[in-house]
Amino acid sequence: MVTVATSDVAGGYAGTGNLDVDPVFVASGYWEHALNPSMMVLPSHFYAVWVSGDYHLTEGSPCVDAGDALSGYGLEPEPNGGQVNLGAYGNYAPSGHDADTLASCITISLMSDKRAAH
C-alpha cells in the first residue's frame, strides 16, 4: 500500500494534505521535434526530445505554503508565510529567481495498474 500525504497529485489521491491542483509552474517542460523545434510531438515520436521547464512556482500558486505544517521553512526567503512550500524545493532558497515570489513543487501523476499494463 502506498501512502501519500501533503502532495499535489494530478487526478487526486486520498491522504492528509493532498491537493489536486495546477501548481502554476513558471514554465512546464514539453516534448518537441528534434529537427523542427517549433513542432510539439508526442513522447513516442522517433525525433521527440524533452525540453526542460522551470518548475519554480509562481506567486499565488496553491502549492506555496501548503507543505507539512510540522516541516521547517527557515531556509525559504522572507516573506515565507510561516509554512513550508510543497514540493522538491520546499525549504530551499530559490536560485536565479526573485526570492520573494518563487518556490517549487512537484506534481505526481498516478496511473492505475490497468493503464500501466498497456
N, C-alpha and C. Protein backbone atom coordinates (compact mmCIF):
# COMPACT_ATOMS: atom_id res chain seq x y z
N MET A 1 0.83 -1.18 0.00
CA MET A 1 0.00 0.00 0.00
C MET A 1 0.88 1.25 0.00
N VAL A 2 0.53 2.18 -0.83
CA VAL A 2 1.26 3.44 -0.93
C VAL A 2 0.55 4.50 -0.10
N THR A 3 1.30 5.21 0.72
CA THR A 3 0.75 6.32 1.49
C THR A 3 1.32 7.61 0.92
N VAL A 4 0.44 8.49 0.55
CA VAL A 4 0.84 9.79 0.01
C VAL A 4 0.20 10.86 0.87
N ALA A 5 0.99 11.80 1.34
CA ALA A 5 0.47 12.88 2.17
C ALA A 5 1.16 14.19 1.80
N THR A 6 0.44 15.27 1.94
CA THR A 6 0.94 16.62 1.70
C THR A 6 1.64 16.70 0.34
N SER A 7 0.91 16.36 -0.70
CA SER A 7 1.44 16.36 -2.06
C SER A 7 0.40 16.91 -3.03
N ASP A 8 0.86 17.35 -4.19
CA ASP A 8 -0.03 17.76 -5.27
C ASP A 8 -0.07 16.61 -6.25
N VAL A 9 -1.17 15.89 -6.29
CA VAL A 9 -1.27 14.67 -7.09
C VAL A 9 -2.28 14.90 -8.22
N ALA A 10 -1.80 14.87 -9.47
CA ALA A 10 -2.70 15.04 -10.62
C ALA A 10 -3.73 13.92 -10.62
N GLY A 11 -5.00 14.29 -10.66
CA GLY A 11 -6.07 13.31 -10.63
C GLY A 11 -6.54 13.00 -9.22
N GLY A 12 -5.84 13.51 -8.22
CA GLY A 12 -6.22 13.31 -6.83
C GLY A 12 -5.72 12.02 -6.24
N TYR A 13 -5.54 12.00 -4.94
CA TYR A 13 -5.12 10.81 -4.20
C TYR A 13 -5.47 11.03 -2.74
N ALA A 14 -6.13 10.04 -2.13
CA ALA A 14 -6.54 10.16 -0.74
C ALA A 14 -5.31 10.30 0.16
N GLY A 15 -5.38 11.19 1.10
CA GLY A 15 -4.30 11.37 2.06
C GLY A 15 -4.35 12.76 2.67
N THR A 16 -3.80 12.88 3.85
CA THR A 16 -3.80 14.14 4.59
C THR A 16 -3.01 15.21 3.84
N GLY A 17 -3.65 16.33 3.58
CA GLY A 17 -2.97 17.48 2.98
C GLY A 17 -2.74 17.38 1.48
N ASN A 18 -3.28 16.36 0.81
CA ASN A 18 -3.07 16.22 -0.64
C ASN A 18 -3.94 17.21 -1.41
N LEU A 19 -3.40 17.71 -2.50
CA LEU A 19 -4.10 18.62 -3.39
C LEU A 19 -4.21 17.99 -4.77
N ASP A 20 -5.15 18.46 -5.56
CA ASP A 20 -5.29 18.10 -6.97
C ASP A 20 -5.50 19.42 -7.71
N VAL A 21 -4.41 20.15 -7.90
CA VAL A 21 -4.48 21.50 -8.48
C VAL A 21 -3.34 21.70 -9.47
N ASP A 22 -3.50 22.69 -10.32
CA ASP A 22 -2.40 23.13 -11.18
C ASP A 22 -1.40 23.85 -10.29
N PRO A 23 -0.14 23.36 -10.21
CA PRO A 23 0.82 24.01 -9.33
C PRO A 23 1.30 25.38 -9.83
N VAL A 24 0.94 25.75 -11.04
CA VAL A 24 1.28 27.04 -11.64
C VAL A 24 2.80 27.23 -11.67
N PHE A 25 3.46 26.33 -12.42
CA PHE A 25 4.90 26.44 -12.62
C PHE A 25 5.22 27.65 -13.48
N VAL A 26 6.44 28.15 -13.36
CA VAL A 26 6.89 29.25 -14.21
C VAL A 26 6.79 28.82 -15.68
N ALA A 27 7.28 27.63 -16.01
CA ALA A 27 7.20 27.11 -17.38
C ALA A 27 7.32 25.59 -17.32
N SER A 28 6.28 24.89 -17.73
CA SER A 28 6.33 23.43 -17.74
C SER A 28 7.18 22.94 -18.91
N GLY A 29 7.81 21.79 -18.73
CA GLY A 29 8.56 21.18 -19.82
C GLY A 29 7.61 20.62 -20.88
N TYR A 30 8.17 20.28 -22.03
CA TYR A 30 7.33 19.75 -23.11
C TYR A 30 8.20 18.96 -24.09
N TRP A 31 7.54 18.17 -24.92
CA TRP A 31 8.21 17.39 -25.97
C TRP A 31 8.18 18.19 -27.26
N GLU A 32 9.31 18.21 -27.95
CA GLU A 32 9.35 18.86 -29.26
C GLU A 32 10.13 17.99 -30.24
N HIS A 33 9.99 18.28 -31.51
CA HIS A 33 10.67 17.58 -32.59
C HIS A 33 12.13 18.05 -32.63
N ALA A 34 13.07 17.10 -32.59
CA ALA A 34 14.49 17.45 -32.54
C ALA A 34 14.96 18.23 -33.77
N LEU A 35 14.37 17.98 -34.93
CA LEU A 35 14.79 18.64 -36.15
C LEU A 35 13.96 19.88 -36.47
N ASN A 36 12.81 20.02 -35.81
CA ASN A 36 11.94 21.16 -36.03
C ASN A 36 11.40 21.62 -34.67
N PRO A 37 12.19 22.40 -33.93
CA PRO A 37 11.82 22.78 -32.57
C PRO A 37 10.48 23.50 -32.42
N SER A 38 9.94 24.04 -33.48
CA SER A 38 8.65 24.71 -33.37
C SER A 38 7.49 23.71 -33.37
N MET A 39 7.79 22.43 -33.57
CA MET A 39 6.76 21.39 -33.64
C MET A 39 6.75 20.58 -32.34
N MET A 40 5.64 20.63 -31.63
CA MET A 40 5.48 19.79 -30.44
C MET A 40 5.03 18.40 -30.91
N VAL A 41 5.57 17.36 -30.27
CA VAL A 41 5.25 15.98 -30.66
C VAL A 41 4.96 15.15 -29.41
N LEU A 42 4.44 13.97 -29.62
CA LEU A 42 4.22 13.03 -28.53
C LEU A 42 5.54 12.39 -28.13
N PRO A 43 5.66 11.93 -26.88
CA PRO A 43 6.92 11.33 -26.43
C PRO A 43 7.32 10.09 -27.23
N SER A 44 6.36 9.42 -27.83
CA SER A 44 6.66 8.21 -28.60
C SER A 44 7.21 8.50 -29.99
N HIS A 45 7.18 9.75 -30.43
CA HIS A 45 7.68 10.12 -31.76
C HIS A 45 9.18 9.86 -31.83
N PHE A 46 9.66 9.37 -32.96
CA PHE A 46 11.06 9.00 -33.14
C PHE A 46 12.02 10.15 -32.83
N TYR A 47 11.66 11.37 -33.22
CA TYR A 47 12.53 12.53 -33.03
C TYR A 47 12.15 13.37 -31.80
N ALA A 48 11.37 12.80 -30.90
CA ALA A 48 10.94 13.56 -29.73
C ALA A 48 12.11 13.80 -28.77
N VAL A 49 12.23 15.03 -28.31
CA VAL A 49 13.20 15.38 -27.26
C VAL A 49 12.46 16.19 -26.19
N TRP A 50 12.87 15.99 -24.95
CA TRP A 50 12.25 16.71 -23.83
C TRP A 50 12.94 18.05 -23.63
N VAL A 51 12.15 19.09 -23.54
CA VAL A 51 12.65 20.44 -23.26
C VAL A 51 12.31 20.72 -21.79
N SER A 52 13.33 20.89 -20.99
CA SER A 52 13.13 21.11 -19.56
C SER A 52 12.39 22.40 -19.30
N GLY A 53 11.59 22.38 -18.26
CA GLY A 53 10.86 23.58 -17.86
C GLY A 53 11.50 24.22 -16.64
N ASP A 54 10.87 25.24 -16.16
CA ASP A 54 11.27 25.90 -14.92
C ASP A 54 10.17 25.58 -13.92
N TYR A 55 10.46 24.66 -13.01
CA TYR A 55 9.45 24.15 -12.10
C TYR A 55 9.36 24.91 -10.78
N HIS A 56 9.83 26.14 -10.78
CA HIS A 56 9.56 27.02 -9.64
C HIS A 56 8.09 27.40 -9.72
N LEU A 57 7.52 27.74 -8.59
CA LEU A 57 6.13 28.16 -8.56
C LEU A 57 6.02 29.66 -8.75
N THR A 58 4.95 30.07 -9.38
CA THR A 58 4.69 31.50 -9.48
C THR A 58 4.01 31.96 -8.19
N GLU A 59 4.06 33.24 -7.94
CA GLU A 59 3.38 33.80 -6.78
C GLU A 59 1.89 33.49 -6.90
N GLY A 60 1.28 33.08 -5.82
CA GLY A 60 -0.14 32.75 -5.85
C GLY A 60 -0.42 31.28 -6.15
N SER A 61 0.61 30.49 -6.38
CA SER A 61 0.41 29.06 -6.60
C SER A 61 -0.23 28.43 -5.36
N PRO A 62 -1.17 27.50 -5.55
CA PRO A 62 -1.76 26.83 -4.38
C PRO A 62 -0.77 25.94 -3.64
N CYS A 63 0.40 25.69 -4.21
CA CYS A 63 1.42 24.88 -3.54
C CYS A 63 2.31 25.70 -2.61
N VAL A 64 2.24 27.02 -2.71
CA VAL A 64 3.01 27.88 -1.82
C VAL A 64 2.38 27.81 -0.43
N ASP A 65 3.21 27.58 0.58
CA ASP A 65 2.77 27.49 1.97
C ASP A 65 1.76 26.36 2.20
N ALA A 66 1.81 25.32 1.39
CA ALA A 66 0.87 24.20 1.52
C ALA A 66 1.55 22.92 1.97
N GLY A 67 2.82 23.00 2.37
CA GLY A 67 3.54 21.81 2.81
C GLY A 67 3.17 21.39 4.22
N ASP A 68 3.84 20.36 4.69
CA ASP A 68 3.62 19.81 6.02
C ASP A 68 3.85 20.89 7.07
N ALA A 69 2.84 21.16 7.88
CA ALA A 69 2.92 22.22 8.89
C ALA A 69 4.00 21.96 9.93
N LEU A 70 4.45 20.71 10.06
CA LEU A 70 5.49 20.38 11.03
C LEU A 70 6.90 20.44 10.44
N SER A 71 6.99 20.69 9.13
CA SER A 71 8.30 20.77 8.47
C SER A 71 8.90 22.16 8.64
N GLY A 72 10.23 22.23 8.61
CA GLY A 72 10.91 23.51 8.70
C GLY A 72 10.71 24.35 7.46
N TYR A 73 10.79 25.65 7.62
CA TYR A 73 10.66 26.56 6.48
C TYR A 73 11.68 27.70 6.57
N GLY A 74 12.61 27.59 7.49
CA GLY A 74 13.57 28.67 7.76
C GLY A 74 14.47 29.05 6.61
N LEU A 75 14.68 28.14 5.65
CA LEU A 75 15.54 28.46 4.51
C LEU A 75 14.78 29.16 3.39
N GLU A 76 13.45 29.16 3.47
CA GLU A 76 12.67 29.85 2.45
C GLU A 76 12.77 31.35 2.67
N PRO A 77 12.89 32.11 1.59
CA PRO A 77 13.07 33.56 1.73
C PRO A 77 11.86 34.24 2.35
N GLU A 78 12.11 35.34 3.03
CA GLU A 78 11.03 36.17 3.59
C GLU A 78 10.36 36.94 2.47
N PRO A 79 9.09 37.21 2.50
CA PRO A 79 8.15 36.64 3.45
C PRO A 79 7.82 35.21 3.03
N ASN A 80 7.81 34.30 3.99
CA ASN A 80 7.62 32.90 3.64
C ASN A 80 6.29 32.33 4.11
N GLY A 81 5.44 33.10 4.66
CA GLY A 81 4.11 32.62 5.03
C GLY A 81 4.07 31.76 6.28
N GLY A 82 5.22 31.47 6.87
CA GLY A 82 5.25 30.69 8.09
C GLY A 82 4.98 29.21 7.90
N GLN A 83 5.03 28.73 6.66
CA GLN A 83 4.84 27.31 6.39
C GLN A 83 5.63 26.94 5.15
N VAL A 84 6.16 25.74 5.13
CA VAL A 84 6.98 25.27 4.01
C VAL A 84 6.13 25.15 2.74
N ASN A 85 6.76 25.40 1.60
CA ASN A 85 6.09 25.20 0.32
C ASN A 85 6.09 23.72 -0.03
N LEU A 86 5.09 23.29 -0.76
CA LEU A 86 5.00 21.91 -1.21
C LEU A 86 6.08 21.66 -2.26
N GLY A 87 6.64 20.49 -2.26
CA GLY A 87 7.49 20.06 -3.38
C GLY A 87 8.96 19.94 -3.10
N ALA A 88 9.67 19.65 -4.17
CA ALA A 88 11.09 19.34 -4.11
C ALA A 88 11.93 20.48 -3.56
N TYR A 89 11.52 21.71 -3.79
CA TYR A 89 12.31 22.84 -3.35
C TYR A 89 11.75 23.51 -2.10
N GLY A 90 10.82 22.86 -1.43
CA GLY A 90 10.31 23.39 -0.18
C GLY A 90 11.44 23.50 0.83
N ASN A 91 11.54 24.61 1.50
CA ASN A 91 12.58 24.93 2.48
C ASN A 91 13.96 25.09 1.84
N TYR A 92 13.99 25.53 0.60
CA TYR A 92 15.23 25.90 -0.08
C TYR A 92 15.06 27.26 -0.67
N ALA A 93 16.08 28.10 -0.53
CA ALA A 93 16.03 29.42 -1.15
C ALA A 93 16.19 29.25 -2.65
N PRO A 94 15.31 29.84 -3.45
CA PRO A 94 15.44 29.73 -4.91
C PRO A 94 16.74 30.35 -5.39
N SER A 95 17.27 29.82 -6.48
CA SER A 95 18.48 30.39 -7.06
C SER A 95 18.17 30.89 -8.45
N GLY A 96 18.63 32.07 -8.76
CA GLY A 96 18.44 32.63 -10.09
C GLY A 96 17.06 33.21 -10.33
N HIS A 97 16.25 33.36 -9.30
CA HIS A 97 14.90 33.91 -9.46
C HIS A 97 14.64 34.90 -8.34
N ASP A 98 13.59 35.67 -8.50
CA ASP A 98 13.17 36.60 -7.46
C ASP A 98 12.76 35.81 -6.23
N ALA A 99 13.54 35.88 -5.19
CA ALA A 99 13.33 35.06 -4.00
C ALA A 99 12.01 35.36 -3.29
N ASP A 100 11.41 36.52 -3.54
CA ASP A 100 10.15 36.83 -2.88
C ASP A 100 8.94 36.18 -3.54
N THR A 101 9.09 35.72 -4.77
CA THR A 101 7.90 35.23 -5.47
C THR A 101 7.98 33.78 -5.92
N LEU A 102 9.13 33.13 -5.79
CA LEU A 102 9.23 31.80 -6.35
C LEU A 102 9.56 30.73 -5.32
N ALA A 103 9.04 29.56 -5.54
CA ALA A 103 9.34 28.37 -4.76
C ALA A 103 9.28 27.21 -5.74
N SER A 104 9.05 26.01 -5.29
CA SER A 104 8.92 24.92 -6.24
C SER A 104 8.02 23.83 -5.73
N CYS A 105 7.56 23.01 -6.62
CA CYS A 105 6.60 21.97 -6.30
C CYS A 105 6.70 20.86 -7.33
N ILE A 106 6.42 19.65 -6.93
CA ILE A 106 6.38 18.52 -7.85
C ILE A 106 4.93 18.08 -7.96
N THR A 107 4.49 17.82 -9.16
CA THR A 107 3.19 17.23 -9.37
C THR A 107 3.40 15.77 -9.70
N ILE A 108 2.70 14.91 -9.01
CA ILE A 108 2.83 13.47 -9.22
C ILE A 108 1.62 12.99 -10.00
N SER A 109 1.85 12.29 -11.09
CA SER A 109 0.77 11.68 -11.84
C SER A 109 0.76 10.19 -11.53
N LEU A 110 -0.39 9.68 -11.19
CA LEU A 110 -0.52 8.26 -10.89
C LEU A 110 -1.34 7.59 -11.97
N MET A 111 -0.95 6.37 -12.31
CA MET A 111 -1.70 5.57 -13.28
C MET A 111 -2.28 4.37 -12.55
N SER A 112 -3.43 3.96 -12.99
CA SER A 112 -3.98 2.73 -12.43
C SER A 112 -3.17 1.56 -13.01
N ASP A 113 -3.19 0.42 -12.33
CA ASP A 113 -2.48 -0.76 -12.82
C ASP A 113 -2.93 -1.14 -14.22
N LYS A 114 -4.22 -0.97 -14.49
CA LYS A 114 -4.76 -1.33 -15.80
C LYS A 114 -4.14 -0.48 -16.90
N ARG A 115 -4.05 0.83 -16.69
CA ARG A 115 -3.44 1.71 -17.70
C ARG A 115 -1.96 1.44 -17.85
N ALA A 116 -1.28 1.20 -16.74
CA ALA A 116 0.17 0.98 -16.78
C ALA A 116 0.52 -0.28 -17.55
N ALA A 117 -0.38 -1.25 -17.63
CA ALA A 117 -0.10 -2.51 -18.32
C ALA A 117 -0.12 -2.35 -19.83
N HIS A 118 -0.72 -1.29 -20.33
CA HIS A 118 -0.79 -1.11 -21.80
C HIS A 118 0.43 -0.48 -22.38
